[in-house]
């Protein structure tokens, strides 16, 4: 679900089968470097709201720079990418 936090609106807060919270930030295209600070700020708010729960962090984007990948790795943020598939059919 989308949830309003003091630092902003997180795209999705999910819960896995182990009871861990997964904070997912979704970005169209290529995220800016500032996405790392955004996700870490959200994490701080989520940990205050749910102090007994483990919080995992993830960004979903089309792709990202090596700089964002390195920063995410150092911050413990998973990067997941998406693609678009177009199928063109000819009408008869």
N, C-alpha and C. Protein backbone atom coordinates (compact mmCIF):
# COMPACT_ATOMS: atom_id res chain seq x y z
N UNK A 1 0.84 -1.18 0.00
CA UNK A 1 0.00 0.00 0.00
C UNK A 1 0.88 1.24 0.00
N UNK A 2 0.35 2.33 -0.49
CA UNK A 2 1.06 3.61 -0.43
C UNK A 2 0.81 4.20 0.95
N UNK A 3 1.85 4.73 1.56
CA UNK A 3 1.71 5.24 2.91
C UNK A 3 2.39 6.60 3.04
N UNK A 4 1.71 7.51 3.71
CA UNK A 4 2.25 8.85 3.96
C UNK A 4 3.15 8.81 5.18
N UNK A 5 4.36 9.31 5.02
CA UNK A 5 5.34 9.36 6.11
C UNK A 5 5.73 10.81 6.34
N UNK A 6 6.34 11.13 7.47
CA UNK A 6 6.79 12.51 7.69
C UNK A 6 7.72 13.03 6.58
N UNK A 7 8.52 12.15 5.99
CA UNK A 7 9.46 12.58 4.95
C UNK A 7 8.89 12.47 3.53
N UNK A 8 7.64 12.04 3.38
CA UNK A 8 7.04 11.95 2.06
C UNK A 8 6.17 10.73 1.91
N UNK A 9 5.71 10.48 0.68
CA UNK A 9 4.82 9.34 0.41
C UNK A 9 5.62 8.22 -0.25
N UNK A 10 5.74 7.11 0.47
CA UNK A 10 6.46 5.95 -0.06
C UNK A 10 5.55 5.26 -1.08
N UNK A 11 6.14 4.77 -2.17
CA UNK A 11 5.33 4.15 -3.22
C UNK A 11 4.63 2.89 -2.74
N UNK A 12 5.38 1.96 -2.16
CA UNK A 12 4.76 0.73 -1.66
C UNK A 12 5.44 0.25 -0.40
N UNK A 13 4.63 -0.14 0.57
CA UNK A 13 5.10 -0.87 1.74
C UNK A 13 4.47 -2.24 1.66
N UNK A 14 5.29 -3.25 1.61
CA UNK A 14 4.83 -4.63 1.48
C UNK A 14 5.29 -5.42 2.69
N UNK A 15 4.68 -6.56 2.90
CA UNK A 15 5.09 -7.45 3.98
C UNK A 15 5.32 -8.83 3.38
N UNK A 16 6.49 -9.41 3.67
CA UNK A 16 6.76 -10.75 3.16
C UNK A 16 6.29 -11.80 4.16
N UNK A 17 6.47 -13.07 3.82
CA UNK A 17 5.96 -14.15 4.66
C UNK A 17 6.73 -14.31 5.97
N UNK A 18 7.83 -13.59 6.13
CA UNK A 18 8.59 -13.59 7.39
C UNK A 18 8.23 -12.40 8.28
N UNK A 19 7.27 -11.60 7.84
CA UNK A 19 6.84 -10.44 8.61
C UNK A 19 7.73 -9.23 8.44
N UNK A 20 8.66 -9.28 7.49
CA UNK A 20 9.54 -8.14 7.23
C UNK A 20 8.80 -7.15 6.34
N UNK A 21 9.09 -5.88 6.56
CA UNK A 21 8.51 -4.84 5.71
C UNK A 21 9.47 -4.58 4.56
N UNK A 22 8.92 -4.51 3.37
CA UNK A 22 9.71 -4.19 2.18
C UNK A 22 9.25 -2.82 1.69
N UNK A 23 10.17 -1.88 1.71
CA UNK A 23 9.91 -0.52 1.26
C UNK A 23 10.36 -0.45 -0.19
N UNK A 24 9.41 -0.23 -1.10
CA UNK A 24 9.71 -0.22 -2.53
C UNK A 24 9.44 1.16 -3.10
N UNK A 25 10.47 1.76 -3.64
CA UNK A 25 10.35 3.05 -4.32
C UNK A 25 10.41 2.78 -5.82
N UNK A 26 9.40 3.25 -6.54
CA UNK A 26 9.30 3.00 -7.98
C UNK A 26 9.65 4.28 -8.73
N UNK A 27 10.55 4.16 -9.68
CA UNK A 27 10.97 5.31 -10.48
C UNK A 27 10.78 4.99 -11.96
N UNK A 28 10.18 5.92 -12.68
CA UNK A 28 10.06 5.78 -14.13
C UNK A 28 11.40 6.15 -14.75
N UNK A 29 11.90 5.30 -15.60
CA UNK A 29 13.15 5.60 -16.27
C UNK A 29 14.36 5.44 -15.35
N UNK A 30 15.25 6.43 -15.40
CA UNK A 30 16.52 6.38 -14.67
C UNK A 30 16.44 7.30 -13.46
N UNK A 31 16.60 6.78 -12.25
CA UNK A 31 16.51 7.63 -11.06
C UNK A 31 17.75 8.51 -10.88
N UNK A 32 17.53 9.63 -10.24
CA UNK A 32 18.64 10.52 -9.88
C UNK A 32 19.34 9.96 -8.65
N UNK A 33 20.53 10.48 -8.39
CA UNK A 33 21.29 10.06 -7.21
C UNK A 33 20.50 10.27 -5.91
N UNK A 34 19.65 11.28 -5.91
CA UNK A 34 18.89 11.64 -4.70
C UNK A 34 17.93 10.54 -4.24
N UNK A 35 17.67 9.54 -5.10
CA UNK A 35 16.77 8.46 -4.70
C UNK A 35 17.32 7.70 -3.50
N UNK A 36 18.62 7.64 -3.35
CA UNK A 36 19.23 6.93 -2.22
C UNK A 36 18.87 7.63 -0.92
N UNK A 37 19.03 8.96 -0.87
CA UNK A 37 18.67 9.72 0.33
C UNK A 37 17.17 9.61 0.60
N UNK A 38 16.37 9.63 -0.45
CA UNK A 38 14.91 9.51 -0.31
C UNK A 38 14.54 8.20 0.37
N UNK A 39 15.09 7.09 -0.12
CA UNK A 39 14.77 5.78 0.43
C UNK A 39 15.27 5.65 1.87
N UNK A 40 16.46 6.15 2.15
CA UNK A 40 16.98 6.07 3.51
C UNK A 40 16.16 6.92 4.48
N UNK A 41 15.66 8.06 4.01
CA UNK A 41 14.80 8.89 4.84
C UNK A 41 13.48 8.17 5.14
N UNK A 42 12.91 7.54 4.12
CA UNK A 42 11.68 6.75 4.33
C UNK A 42 11.94 5.62 5.32
N UNK A 43 13.09 4.97 5.19
CA UNK A 43 13.42 3.87 6.10
C UNK A 43 13.41 4.34 7.55
N UNK A 44 14.00 5.49 7.80
CA UNK A 44 14.01 6.04 9.15
C UNK A 44 12.58 6.21 9.69
N UNK A 45 11.69 6.74 8.88
CA UNK A 45 10.30 6.93 9.31
C UNK A 45 9.58 5.60 9.54
N UNK A 46 9.81 4.64 8.65
CA UNK A 46 9.16 3.33 8.78
C UNK A 46 9.65 2.61 10.03
N UNK A 47 10.95 2.70 10.30
CA UNK A 47 11.48 2.05 11.51
C UNK A 47 10.92 2.68 12.79
N UNK A 48 10.66 3.97 12.76
CA UNK A 48 10.03 4.62 13.92
C UNK A 48 8.58 4.17 14.08
N UNK A 49 7.88 4.00 12.96
CA UNK A 49 6.48 3.60 13.00
C UNK A 49 6.31 2.13 13.38
N UNK A 50 7.24 1.28 12.94
CA UNK A 50 7.18 -0.16 13.20
C UNK A 50 8.51 -0.60 13.83
N UNK A 51 8.77 -0.23 15.08
CA UNK A 51 10.09 -0.45 15.66
C UNK A 51 10.51 -1.91 15.82
N UNK A 52 9.57 -2.82 15.89
CA UNK A 52 9.93 -4.23 16.09
C UNK A 52 10.12 -4.98 14.78
N UNK A 53 9.97 -4.31 13.65
CA UNK A 53 10.00 -4.98 12.35
C UNK A 53 11.29 -4.69 11.60
N UNK A 54 11.79 -5.68 10.88
CA UNK A 54 12.93 -5.49 10.00
C UNK A 54 12.43 -4.84 8.71
N UNK A 55 13.18 -3.85 8.22
CA UNK A 55 12.79 -3.14 7.00
C UNK A 55 13.83 -3.41 5.92
N UNK A 56 13.36 -3.92 4.79
CA UNK A 56 14.22 -4.13 3.62
C UNK A 56 13.90 -3.04 2.60
N UNK A 57 14.93 -2.63 1.85
CA UNK A 57 14.79 -1.51 0.93
C UNK A 57 15.01 -1.94 -0.51
N UNK A 58 14.19 -1.36 -1.40
CA UNK A 58 14.32 -1.70 -2.81
C UNK A 58 13.89 -0.53 -3.69
N UNK A 59 14.54 -0.42 -4.83
CA UNK A 59 14.18 0.56 -5.86
C UNK A 59 13.87 -0.22 -7.13
N UNK A 60 12.75 0.11 -7.76
CA UNK A 60 12.37 -0.47 -9.04
C UNK A 60 12.46 0.63 -10.08
N UNK A 61 13.28 0.41 -11.12
CA UNK A 61 13.48 1.43 -12.15
C UNK A 61 13.78 0.74 -13.48
N UNK A 62 13.76 1.53 -14.55
CA UNK A 62 14.09 0.97 -15.87
C UNK A 62 15.55 0.57 -15.91
N UNK A 63 16.40 1.41 -15.41
CA UNK A 63 17.83 1.15 -15.28
C UNK A 63 18.40 2.28 -14.45
N UNK A 64 19.67 2.22 -14.10
CA UNK A 64 20.26 3.31 -13.32
C UNK A 64 21.76 3.37 -13.57
N UNK A 65 22.32 4.47 -13.18
CA UNK A 65 23.75 4.69 -13.38
C UNK A 65 24.56 3.79 -12.43
N UNK A 66 25.82 3.62 -12.77
CA UNK A 66 26.70 2.85 -11.90
C UNK A 66 26.85 3.54 -10.55
N UNK A 67 26.82 4.84 -10.57
CA UNK A 67 26.91 5.62 -9.32
C UNK A 67 25.75 5.29 -8.38
N UNK A 68 24.52 5.23 -8.91
CA UNK A 68 23.35 4.87 -8.10
C UNK A 68 23.47 3.42 -7.64
N UNK A 69 23.91 2.54 -8.53
CA UNK A 69 24.08 1.13 -8.15
C UNK A 69 25.08 0.98 -6.99
N UNK A 70 26.21 1.67 -7.07
CA UNK A 70 27.22 1.59 -6.02
C UNK A 70 26.69 2.14 -4.70
N UNK A 71 26.02 3.28 -4.75
CA UNK A 71 25.48 3.88 -3.53
C UNK A 71 24.40 2.98 -2.92
N UNK A 72 23.56 2.40 -3.77
CA UNK A 72 22.51 1.50 -3.28
C UNK A 72 23.12 0.28 -2.61
N UNK A 73 24.13 -0.29 -3.23
CA UNK A 73 24.80 -1.46 -2.65
C UNK A 73 25.37 -1.13 -1.27
N UNK A 74 26.04 0.01 -1.16
CA UNK A 74 26.64 0.42 0.11
C UNK A 74 25.59 0.72 1.18
N UNK A 75 24.39 1.12 0.75
CA UNK A 75 23.31 1.46 1.69
C UNK A 75 22.38 0.28 1.97
N UNK A 76 22.65 -0.86 1.34
CA UNK A 76 21.80 -2.03 1.56
C UNK A 76 20.45 -1.94 0.85
N UNK A 77 20.42 -1.25 -0.28
CA UNK A 77 19.19 -1.08 -1.06
C UNK A 77 19.28 -1.96 -2.30
N UNK A 78 18.28 -2.80 -2.50
CA UNK A 78 18.25 -3.64 -3.70
C UNK A 78 17.77 -2.83 -4.90
N UNK A 79 18.37 -3.09 -6.05
CA UNK A 79 17.95 -2.45 -7.30
C UNK A 79 17.31 -3.52 -8.18
N UNK A 80 16.10 -3.24 -8.63
CA UNK A 80 15.38 -4.13 -9.53
C UNK A 80 14.99 -3.33 -10.75
N UNK A 81 15.15 -3.92 -11.92
CA UNK A 81 14.85 -3.20 -13.16
C UNK A 81 13.66 -3.85 -13.87
N UNK A 82 13.02 -3.02 -14.67
CA UNK A 82 11.89 -3.50 -15.47
C UNK A 82 12.16 -3.18 -16.93
N UNK A 83 11.48 -3.86 -17.78
CA UNK A 83 11.58 -3.62 -19.21
C UNK A 83 10.18 -3.52 -19.80
N UNK A 84 10.13 -3.14 -21.03
CA UNK A 84 8.86 -3.03 -21.74
C UNK A 84 8.92 -3.91 -22.96
N UNK A 85 7.89 -4.67 -23.17
CA UNK A 85 7.82 -5.55 -24.33
C UNK A 85 6.64 -5.11 -25.18
N UNK A 86 6.91 -4.80 -26.44
CA UNK A 86 5.85 -4.44 -27.37
C UNK A 86 5.68 -5.57 -28.37
N UNK A 87 4.44 -5.91 -28.62
CA UNK A 87 4.15 -6.91 -29.64
C UNK A 87 3.26 -6.24 -30.66
N UNK A 88 3.73 -6.22 -31.89
CA UNK A 88 2.96 -5.57 -32.96
C UNK A 88 2.38 -6.67 -33.84
N UNK A 89 1.07 -6.58 -33.98
CA UNK A 89 0.36 -7.56 -34.81
C UNK A 89 -0.26 -6.85 -36.01
N UNK A 90 -0.31 -7.53 -37.07
CA UNK A 90 -0.92 -6.98 -38.26
C UNK A 90 -2.37 -7.45 -38.32
N UNK A 91 -3.28 -6.49 -38.45
CA UNK A 91 -4.68 -6.86 -38.60
C UNK A 91 -4.94 -7.26 -40.04
N UNK A 92 -5.76 -8.28 -40.19
CA UNK A 92 -6.09 -8.76 -41.55
C UNK A 92 -7.39 -8.19 -42.01
